[in-house]
Amino acid sequence: MHSCFDRKIIQYMARVCQVTGKRPMTGHQVSFSNKKSKRRFYPNLQTRRFYLQEEDRWITLRLSAKGLRTINKKGLYQVVKELRAAGQQI
């Protein structure tokens, strides 16, 4: 039985491109005096909605700028087929 107070479970995704697999990398923040402290370099991630004509539906992908270029080059359906073959649920 469900009540009106049921909460929706929110899943947070990691900062990872779904197409290329790019992830944050670590490096140094270097000050003028050449002191170094750890920092993270994040990929340029964009959330984009695409219309998949073959399945007559919209899909949402979180991808980097390079992932967007990959979709432009190969085509959306081909990229989705490769992602599903790799085990991703889309």
PDB file of N, CA and C in Angstrom:
ATOM      1  N   MET A   1       0.838  -1.175   0.000  1.00  0.00           N
ATOM      2  CA  MET A   1       0.000   0.000   0.000  1.00  0.00           C
ATOM      3  C   MET A   1       0.889   1.246   0.000  1.00  0.00           C
ATOM      4  N   HIS A   2       0.555   2.199  -0.813  1.00  0.00           N
ATOM      5  CA  HIS A   2       1.334   3.422  -0.909  1.00  0.00           C
ATOM      6  C   HIS A   2       0.601   4.561  -0.212  1.00  0.00           C
ATOM      7  N   SER A   3       1.348   5.378   0.460  1.00  0.00           N
ATOM      8  CA  SER A   3       0.744   6.554   1.072  1.00  0.00           C
ATOM      9  C   SER A   3       1.149   7.786   0.279  1.00  0.00           C
ATOM     10  N   CYS A   4       0.535   8.884   0.609  1.00  0.00           N
ATOM     11  CA  CYS A   4       0.853  10.120  -0.101  1.00  0.00           C
ATOM     12  C   CYS A   4       2.208  10.675   0.341  1.00  0.00           C
ATOM     13  N   PHE A   5       2.826  10.042   1.349  1.00  0.00           N
ATOM     14  CA  PHE A   5       4.097  10.534   1.854  1.00  0.00           C
ATOM     15  C   PHE A   5       5.295   9.763   1.314  1.00  0.00           C
ATOM     16  N   ASP A   6       5.062   8.870   0.348  1.00  0.00           N
ATOM     17  CA  ASP A   6       6.177   8.131  -0.237  1.00  0.00           C
ATOM     18  C   ASP A   6       7.128   9.102  -0.912  1.00  0.00           C
ATOM     19  N   ARG A   7       8.382   8.904  -0.679  1.00  0.00           N
ATOM     20  CA  ARG A   7       9.399   9.774  -1.269  1.00  0.00           C
ATOM     21  C   ARG A   7       9.956   9.135  -2.533  1.00  0.00           C
ATOM     22  N   LYS A   8      10.241   9.954  -3.482  1.00  0.00           N
ATOM     23  CA  LYS A   8      10.867   9.478  -4.706  1.00  0.00           C
ATOM     24  C   LYS A   8      12.362   9.331  -4.445  1.00  0.00           C
ATOM     25  N   ILE A   9      12.918   8.205  -4.825  1.00  0.00           N
ATOM     26  CA  ILE A   9      14.341   7.975  -4.622  1.00  0.00           C
ATOM     27  C   ILE A   9      15.098   8.641  -5.757  1.00  0.00           C
ATOM     28  N   ILE A  10      16.036   9.499  -5.400  1.00  0.00           N
ATOM     29  CA  ILE A  10      16.812  10.231  -6.392  1.00  0.00           C
ATOM     30  C   ILE A  10      18.180   9.579  -6.505  1.00  0.00           C
ATOM     31  N   GLN A  11      18.572   9.246  -7.723  1.00  0.00           N
ATOM     32  CA  GLN A  11      19.896   8.685  -7.953  1.00  0.00           C
ATOM     33  C   GLN A  11      20.779   9.768  -8.537  1.00  0.00           C
ATOM     34  N   TYR A  12      21.948   9.945  -7.948  1.00  0.00           N
ATOM     35  CA  TYR A  12      22.898  10.906  -8.464  1.00  0.00           C
ATOM     36  C   TYR A  12      23.939  10.166  -9.293  1.00  0.00           C
ATOM     37  N   MET A  13      24.206  10.697 -10.484  1.00  0.00           N
ATOM     38  CA  MET A  13      25.195  10.062 -11.341  1.00  0.00           C
ATOM     39  C   MET A  13      26.564  10.656 -11.079  1.00  0.00           C
ATOM     40  N   ALA A  14      27.557   9.842 -11.312  1.00  0.00           N
ATOM     41  CA  ALA A  14      28.919  10.335 -11.226  1.00  0.00           C
ATOM     42  C   ALA A  14      29.180  11.255 -12.413  1.00  0.00           C
ATOM     43  N   ARG A  15      30.240  12.024 -12.326  1.00  0.00           N
ATOM     44  CA  ARG A  15      30.587  12.928 -13.431  1.00  0.00           C
ATOM     45  C   ARG A  15      31.340  12.142 -14.496  1.00  0.00           C
ATOM     46  N   VAL A  16      30.592  11.318 -15.225  1.00  0.00           N
ATOM     47  CA  VAL A  16      31.172  10.436 -16.232  1.00  0.00           C
ATOM     48  C   VAL A  16      30.373  10.581 -17.516  1.00  0.00           C
ATOM     49  N   CYS A  17      31.085  10.700 -18.640  1.00  0.00           N
ATOM     50  CA  CYS A  17      30.436  10.758 -19.948  1.00  0.00           C
ATOM     51  C   CYS A  17      29.917   9.368 -20.295  1.00  0.00           C
ATOM     52  N   GLN A  18      28.645   9.271 -20.709  1.00  0.00           N
ATOM     53  CA  GLN A  18      28.060   7.983 -21.041  1.00  0.00           C
ATOM     54  C   GLN A  18      28.600   7.424 -22.350  1.00  0.00           C
ATOM     55  N   VAL A  19      29.092   8.272 -23.225  1.00  0.00           N
ATOM     56  CA  VAL A  19      29.560   7.818 -24.535  1.00  0.00           C
ATOM     57  C   VAL A  19      31.049   7.483 -24.509  1.00  0.00           C
ATOM     58  N   THR A  20      31.872   8.412 -24.038  1.00  0.00           N
ATOM     59  CA  THR A  20      33.326   8.207 -24.086  1.00  0.00           C
ATOM     60  C   THR A  20      33.898   7.627 -22.804  1.00  0.00           C
ATOM     61  N   GLY A  21      33.170   7.722 -21.695  1.00  0.00           N
ATOM     62  CA  GLY A  21      33.683   7.214 -20.424  1.00  0.00           C
ATOM     63  C   GLY A  21      34.647   8.160 -19.736  1.00  0.00           C
ATOM     64  N   LYS A  22      34.732   9.396 -20.216  1.00  0.00           N
ATOM     65  CA  LYS A  22      35.622  10.374 -19.579  1.00  0.00           C
ATOM     66  C   LYS A  22      35.190  10.605 -18.142  1.00  0.00           C
ATOM     67  N   ARG A  23      36.180  10.685 -17.221  1.00  0.00           N
ATOM     68  CA  ARG A  23      35.927  10.888 -15.798  1.00  0.00           C
ATOM     69  C   ARG A  23      36.792  12.035 -15.299  1.00  0.00           C
ATOM     70  N   PRO A  24      36.534  12.517 -14.085  1.00  0.00           N
ATOM     71  CA  PRO A  24      37.423  13.534 -13.525  1.00  0.00           C
ATOM     72  C   PRO A  24      38.833  12.976 -13.332  1.00  0.00           C
ATOM     73  N   MET A  25      39.819  13.832 -13.507  1.00  0.00           N
ATOM     74  CA  MET A  25      41.195  13.421 -13.237  1.00  0.00           C
ATOM     75  C   MET A  25      41.781  14.363 -12.195  1.00  0.00           C
ATOM     76  N   THR A  26      42.851  13.945 -11.554  1.00  0.00           N
ATOM     77  CA  THR A  26      43.437  14.761 -10.496  1.00  0.00           C
ATOM     78  C   THR A  26      44.735  15.381 -10.967  1.00  0.00           C
ATOM     79  N   GLY A  27      45.071  16.490 -10.343  1.00  0.00           N
ATOM     80  CA  GLY A  27      46.307  17.190 -10.665  1.00  0.00           C
ATOM     81  C   GLY A  27      46.615  18.169  -9.557  1.00  0.00           C
ATOM     82  N   HIS A  28      47.456  19.131  -9.852  1.00  0.00           N
ATOM     83  CA  HIS A  28      47.854  20.112  -8.857  1.00  0.00           C
ATOM     84  C   HIS A  28      47.306  21.488  -9.198  1.00  0.00           C
ATOM     85  N   GLN A  29      46.897  22.205  -8.161  1.00  0.00           N
ATOM     86  CA  GLN A  29      46.608  23.630  -8.257  1.00  0.00           C
ATOM     87  C   GLN A  29      47.923  24.305  -7.888  1.00  0.00           C
ATOM     88  N   VAL A  30      48.515  25.044  -8.798  1.00  0.00           N
ATOM     89  CA  VAL A  30      49.836  25.624  -8.557  1.00  0.00           C
ATOM     90  C   VAL A  30      49.685  27.125  -8.336  1.00  0.00           C
ATOM     91  N   SER A  31      50.131  27.586  -7.181  1.00  0.00           N
ATOM     92  CA  SER A  31      50.052  29.007  -6.851  1.00  0.00           C
ATOM     93  C   SER A  31      51.240  29.753  -7.454  1.00  0.00           C
ATOM     94  N   PHE A  32      51.226  31.069  -7.308  1.00  0.00           N
ATOM     95  CA  PHE A  32      52.321  31.895  -7.825  1.00  0.00           C
ATOM     96  C   PHE A  32      53.645  31.529  -7.151  1.00  0.00           C
ATOM     97  N   SER A  33      53.593  31.174  -5.869  1.00  0.00           N
ATOM     98  CA  SER A  33      54.813  30.803  -5.142  1.00  0.00           C
ATOM     99  C   SER A  33      55.187  29.339  -5.373  1.00  0.00           C
ATOM    100  N   ASN A  34      54.497  28.688  -6.291  1.00  0.00           N
ATOM    101  CA  ASN A  34      54.763  27.315  -6.715  1.00  0.00           C
ATOM    102  C   ASN A  34      54.385  26.275  -5.658  1.00  0.00           C
ATOM    103  N   LYS A  35      53.500  26.651  -4.722  1.00  0.00           N
ATOM    104  CA  LYS A  35      52.945  25.658  -3.802  1.00  0.00           C
ATOM    105  C   LYS A  35      51.929  24.838  -4.580  1.00  0.00           C
ATOM    106  N   LYS A  36      51.864  23.559  -4.282  1.00  0.00           N
ATOM    107  CA  LYS A  36      50.948  22.685  -5.014  1.00  0.00           C
ATOM    108  C   LYS A  36      49.940  22.064  -4.056  1.00  0.00           C
ATOM    109  N   SER A  37      48.683  22.109  -4.434  1.00  0.00           N
ATOM    110  CA  SER A  37      47.639  21.427  -3.673  1.00  0.00           C
ATOM    111  C   SER A  37      46.801  20.620  -4.660  1.00  0.00           C
ATOM    112  N   LYS A  38      46.242  19.527  -4.186  1.00  0.00           N
ATOM    113  CA  LYS A  38      45.481  18.632  -5.058  1.00  0.00           C
ATOM    114  C   LYS A  38      44.176  19.290  -5.508  1.00  0.00           C
ATOM    115  N   ARG A  39      43.798  19.024  -6.726  1.00  0.00           N
ATOM    116  CA  ARG A  39      42.511  19.469  -7.256  1.00  0.00           C
ATOM    117  C   ARG A  39      42.034  18.463  -8.286  1.00  0.00           C
ATOM    118  N   ARG A  40      40.797  18.617  -8.727  1.00  0.00           N
ATOM    119  CA  ARG A  40      40.238  17.717  -9.732  1.00  0.00           C
ATOM    120  C   ARG A  40      39.913  18.504 -10.995  1.00  0.00           C
ATOM    121  N   PHE A  41      40.160  17.893 -12.130  1.00  0.00           N
ATOM    122  CA  PHE A  41      39.801  18.457 -13.427  1.00  0.00           C
ATOM    123  C   PHE A  41      38.583  17.683 -13.924  1.00  0.00           C
ATOM    124  N   TYR A  42      37.465  18.382 -14.118  1.00  0.00           N
ATOM    125  CA  TYR A  42      36.218  17.729 -14.500  1.00  0.00           C
ATOM    126  C   TYR A  42      36.021  17.779 -16.012  1.00  0.00           C
ATOM    127  N   PRO A  43      35.421  16.728 -16.598  1.00  0.00           N
ATOM    128  CA  PRO A  43      35.115  16.768 -18.031  1.00  0.00           C
ATOM    129  C   PRO A  43      33.987  17.763 -18.309  1.00  0.00           C
ATOM    130  N   ASN A  44      33.935  18.242 -19.528  1.00  0.00           N
ATOM    131  CA  ASN A  44      32.917  19.214 -19.944  1.00  0.00           C
ATOM    132  C   ASN A  44      31.616  18.459 -20.241  1.00  0.00           C
ATOM    133  N   LEU A  45      30.844  18.159 -19.185  1.00  0.00           N
ATOM    134  CA  LEU A  45      29.636  17.352 -19.347  1.00  0.00           C
ATOM    135  C   LEU A  45      28.418  18.215 -19.640  1.00  0.00           C
ATOM    136  N   GLN A  46      27.606  17.735 -20.560  1.00  0.00           N
ATOM    137  CA  GLN A  46      26.354  18.382 -20.943  1.00  0.00           C
ATOM    138  C   GLN A  46      25.246  17.336 -20.863  1.00  0.00           C
ATOM    139  N   THR A  47      24.065  17.735 -20.434  1.00  0.00           N
ATOM    140  CA  THR A  47      22.902  16.849 -20.471  1.00  0.00           C
ATOM    141  C   THR A  47      22.093  17.217 -21.707  1.00  0.00           C
ATOM    142  N   ARG A  48      21.890  16.242 -22.580  1.00  0.00           N
ATOM    143  CA  ARG A  48      21.206  16.498 -23.844  1.00  0.00           C
ATOM    144  C   ARG A  48      20.101  15.477 -24.071  1.00  0.00           C
ATOM    145  N   ARG A  49      18.979  15.949 -24.620  1.00  0.00           N
ATOM    146  CA  ARG A  49      17.891  15.064 -25.030  1.00  0.00           C
ATOM    147  C   ARG A  49      17.979  14.854 -26.533  1.00  0.00           C
ATOM    148  N   PHE A  50      17.867  13.607 -26.955  1.00  0.00           N
ATOM    149  CA  PHE A  50      17.910  13.260 -28.373  1.00  0.00           C
ATOM    150  C   PHE A  50      16.647  12.487 -28.728  1.00  0.00           C
ATOM    151  N   TYR A  51      16.166  12.696 -29.946  1.00  0.00           N
ATOM    152  CA  TYR A  51      15.020  11.932 -30.430  1.00  0.00           C
ATOM    153  C   TYR A  51      15.547  10.750 -31.218  1.00  0.00           C
ATOM    154  N   LEU A  52      15.231   9.541 -30.761  1.00  0.00           N
ATOM    155  CA  LEU A  52      15.670   8.314 -31.417  1.00  0.00           C
ATOM    156  C   LEU A  52      14.555   7.871 -32.361  1.00  0.00           C
ATOM    157  N   GLN A  53      14.728   8.142 -33.661  1.00  0.00           N
ATOM    158  CA  GLN A  53      13.668   7.884 -34.639  1.00  0.00           C
ATOM    159  C   GLN A  53      13.322   6.407 -34.744  1.00  0.00           C
ATOM    160  N   GLU A  54      14.331   5.543 -34.655  1.00  0.00           N
ATOM    161  CA  GLU A  54      14.107   4.109 -34.825  1.00  0.00           C
ATOM    162  C   GLU A  54      13.172   3.550 -33.753  1.00  0.00           C
ATOM    163  N   GLU A  55      13.192   4.148 -32.561  1.00  0.00           N
ATOM    164  CA  GLU A  55      12.336   3.672 -31.470  1.00  0.00           C
ATOM    165  C   GLU A  55      11.201   4.644 -31.165  1.00  0.00           C
ATOM    166  N   ASP A  56      11.143   5.746 -31.881  1.00  0.00           N
ATOM    167  CA  ASP A  56      10.094   6.759 -31.735  1.00  0.00           C
ATOM    168  C   ASP A  56       9.975   7.236 -30.287  1.00  0.00           C
ATOM    169  N   ARG A  57      11.125   7.604 -29.691  1.00  0.00           N
ATOM    170  CA  ARG A  57      11.107   8.095 -28.315  1.00  0.00           C
ATOM    171  C   ARG A  57      12.300   9.008 -28.065  1.00  0.00           C
ATOM    172  N   TRP A  58      12.228   9.766 -26.967  1.00  0.00           N
ATOM    173  CA  TRP A  58      13.296  10.664 -26.557  1.00  0.00           C
ATOM    174  C   TRP A  58      14.199   9.947 -25.569  1.00  0.00           C
ATOM    175  N   ILE A  59      15.507  10.186 -25.666  1.00  0.00           N
ATOM    176  CA  ILE A  59      16.443   9.668 -24.668  1.00  0.00           C
ATOM    177  C   ILE A  59      17.278  10.834 -24.151  1.00  0.00           C
ATOM    178  N   THR A  60      17.690  10.744 -22.905  1.00  0.00           N
ATOM    179  CA  THR A  60      18.527  11.769 -22.290  1.00  0.00           C
ATOM    180  C   THR A  60      19.890  11.170 -22.012  1.00  0.00           C
ATOM    181  N   LEU A  61      20.931  11.835 -22.481  1.00  0.00           N
ATOM    182  CA  LEU A  61      22.298  11.374 -22.261  1.00  0.00           C
ATOM    183  C   LEU A  61      23.098  12.465 -21.575  1.00  0.00           C
ATOM    184  N   ARG A  62      23.994  12.059 -20.693  1.00  0.00           N
ATOM    185  CA  ARG A  62      24.923  12.995 -20.064  1.00  0.00           C
ATOM    186  C   ARG A  62      26.278  12.726 -20.699  1.00  0.00           C
ATOM    187  N   LEU A  63      26.730  13.662 -21.525  1.00  0.00           N
ATOM    188  CA  LEU A  63      27.945  13.403 -22.283  1.00  0.00           C
ATOM    189  C   LEU A  63      28.845  14.613 -22.357  1.00  0.00           C
ATOM    190  N   SER A  64      30.098  14.323 -22.670  1.00  0.00           N
ATOM    191  CA  SER A  64      31.094  15.380 -22.809  1.00  0.00           C
ATOM    192  C   SER A  64      30.979  15.983 -24.205  1.00  0.00           C
ATOM    193  N   ALA A  65      31.711  17.052 -24.418  1.00  0.00           N
ATOM    194  CA  ALA A  65      31.713  17.695 -25.733  1.00  0.00           C
ATOM    195  C   ALA A  65      32.247  16.726 -26.784  1.00  0.00           C
ATOM    196  N   LYS A  66      33.229  15.906 -26.416  1.00  0.00           N
ATOM    197  CA  LYS A  66      33.759  14.916 -27.350  1.00  0.00           C
ATOM    198  C   LYS A  66      32.717  13.839 -27.650  1.00  0.00           C
ATOM    199  N   GLY A  67      31.915  13.474 -26.650  1.00  0.00           N
ATOM    200  CA  GLY A  67      30.838  12.509 -26.865  1.00  0.00           C
ATOM    201  C   GLY A  67      29.804  13.039 -27.840  1.00  0.00           C
ATOM    202  N   LEU A  68      29.524  14.336 -27.774  1.00  0.00           N
ATOM    203  CA  LEU A  68      28.602  14.967 -28.711  1.00  0.00           C
ATOM    204  C   LEU A  68      29.149  14.900 -30.132  1.00  0.00           C
ATOM    205  N   ARG A  69      30.452  15.119 -30.265  1.00  0.00           N
ATOM    206  CA  ARG A  69      31.081  15.035 -31.588  1.00  0.00           C
ATOM    207  C   ARG A  69      31.051  13.601 -32.111  1.00  0.00           C
ATOM    208  N   THR A  70      31.187  12.628 -31.210  1.00  0.00           N
ATOM    209  CA  THR A  70      31.117  11.220 -31.603  1.00  0.00           C
ATOM    210  C   THR A  70      29.735  10.889 -32.152  1.00  0.00           C
ATOM    211  N   ILE A  71      28.691  11.419 -31.511  1.00  0.00           N
ATOM    212  CA  ILE A  71      27.324  11.194 -31.997  1.00  0.00           C
ATOM    213  C   ILE A  71      27.133  11.852 -33.356  1.00  0.00           C
ATOM    214  N   ASN A  72      27.696  13.036 -33.553  1.00  0.00           N
ATOM    215  CA  ASN A  72      27.602  13.700 -34.860  1.00  0.00           C
ATOM    216  C   ASN A  72      28.296  12.891 -35.943  1.00  0.00           C
ATOM    217  N   LYS A  73      29.389  12.232 -35.584  1.00  0.00           N
ATOM    218  CA  LYS A  73      30.172  11.485 -36.567  1.00  0.00           C
ATOM    219  C   LYS A  73      29.533  10.132 -36.895  1.00  0.00           C
ATOM    220  N   LYS A  74      29.208   9.342 -35.865  1.00  0.00           N
ATOM    221  CA  LYS A  74      28.720   7.980 -36.076  1.00  0.00           C
ATOM    222  C   LYS A  74      27.214   7.902 -36.278  1.00  0.00           C
ATOM    223  N   GLY A  75      26.498   8.829 -35.688  1.00  0.00           N
ATOM    224  CA  GLY A  75      25.040   8.771 -35.704  1.00  0.00           C
ATOM    225  C   GLY A  75      24.530   8.275 -34.359  1.00  0.00           C
ATOM    226  N   LEU A  76      23.371   8.773 -33.963  1.00  0.00           N
ATOM    227  CA  LEU A  76      22.824   8.475 -32.639  1.00  0.00           C
ATOM    228  C   LEU A  76      22.500   6.994 -32.483  1.00  0.00           C
ATOM    229  N   TYR A  77      21.863   6.397 -33.480  1.00  0.00           N
ATOM    230  CA  TYR A  77      21.434   5.003 -33.347  1.00  0.00           C
ATOM    231  C   TYR A  77      22.631   4.072 -33.191  1.00  0.00           C
ATOM    232  N   GLN A  78      23.698   4.322 -33.927  1.00  0.00           N
ATOM    233  CA  GLN A  78      24.901   3.488 -33.838  1.00  0.00           C
ATOM    234  C   GLN A  78      25.531   3.593 -32.449  1.00  0.00           C
ATOM    235  N   VAL A  79      25.590   4.797 -31.900  1.00  0.00           N
ATOM    236  CA  VAL A  79      26.168   5.003 -30.570  1.00  0.00           C
ATOM    237  C   VAL A  79      25.317   4.309 -29.513  1.00  0.00           C
ATOM    238  N   VAL A  80      23.990   4.408 -29.627  1.00  0.00           N
ATOM    239  CA  VAL A  80      23.093   3.755 -28.669  1.00  0.00           C
ATOM    240  C   VAL A  80      23.246   2.238 -28.744  1.00  0.00           C
ATOM    241  N   LYS A  81      23.391   1.699 -29.956  1.00  0.00           N
ATOM    242  CA  LYS A  81      23.611   0.257 -30.108  1.00  0.00           C
ATOM    243  C   LYS A  81      24.889  -0.174 -29.407  1.00  0.00           C
ATOM    244  N   GLU A  82      25.966   0.608 -29.555  1.00  0.00           N
ATOM    245  CA  GLU A  82      27.239   0.278 -28.908  1.00  0.00           C
ATOM    246  C   GLU A  82      27.128   0.350 -27.385  1.00  0.00           C
ATOM    247  N   LEU A  83      26.400   1.350 -26.883  1.00  0.00           N
ATOM    248  CA  LEU A  83      26.228   1.479 -25.434  1.00  0.00           C
ATOM    249  C   LEU A  83      25.444   0.300 -24.872  1.00  0.00           C
ATOM    250  N   ARG A  84      24.404  -0.122 -25.573  1.00  0.00           N
ATOM    251  CA  ARG A  84      23.615  -1.266 -25.107  1.00  0.00           C
ATOM    252  C   ARG A  84      24.426  -2.554 -25.172  1.00  0.00           C
ATOM    253  N   ALA A  85      25.272  -2.691 -26.193  1.00  0.00           N
ATOM    254  CA  ALA A  85      26.128  -3.877 -26.289  1.00  0.00           C
ATOM    255  C   ALA A  85      27.133  -3.919 -25.140  1.00  0.00           C
ATOM    256  N   ALA A  86      27.534  -2.730 -24.663  1.00  0.00           N
ATOM    257  CA  ALA A  86      28.471  -2.653 -23.540  1.00  0.00           C
ATOM    258  C   ALA A  86      27.774  -2.857 -22.199  1.00  0.00           C
ATOM    259  N   GLY A  87      26.437  -2.931 -22.203  1.00  0.00           N
ATOM    260  CA  GLY A  87      25.703  -3.220 -20.980  1.00  0.00           C
ATOM    261  C   GLY A  87      25.043  -2.032 -20.320  1.00  0.00           C
ATOM    262  N   GLN A  88      25.085  -0.863 -20.956  1.00  0.00           N
ATOM    263  CA  GLN A  88      24.417   0.304 -20.373  1.00  0.00           C
ATOM    264  C   GLN A  88      22.933   0.255 -20.683  1.00  0.00           C
ATOM    265  N   GLN A  89      22.125   0.682 -19.720  1.00  0.00           N
ATOM    266  CA  GLN A  89      20.686   0.728 -19.923  1.00  0.00           C
ATOM    267  C   GLN A  89      20.292   2.135 -20.345  1.00  0.00           C
ATOM    268  N   ILE A  90      19.657   2.239 -21.511  1.00  0.00           N
ATOM    269  CA  ILE A  90      19.266   3.552 -22.035  1.00  0.00           C
ATOM    270  C   ILE A  90      17.787   3.535 -22.354  1.00  0.00           C
TER     271      ILE A  90
END
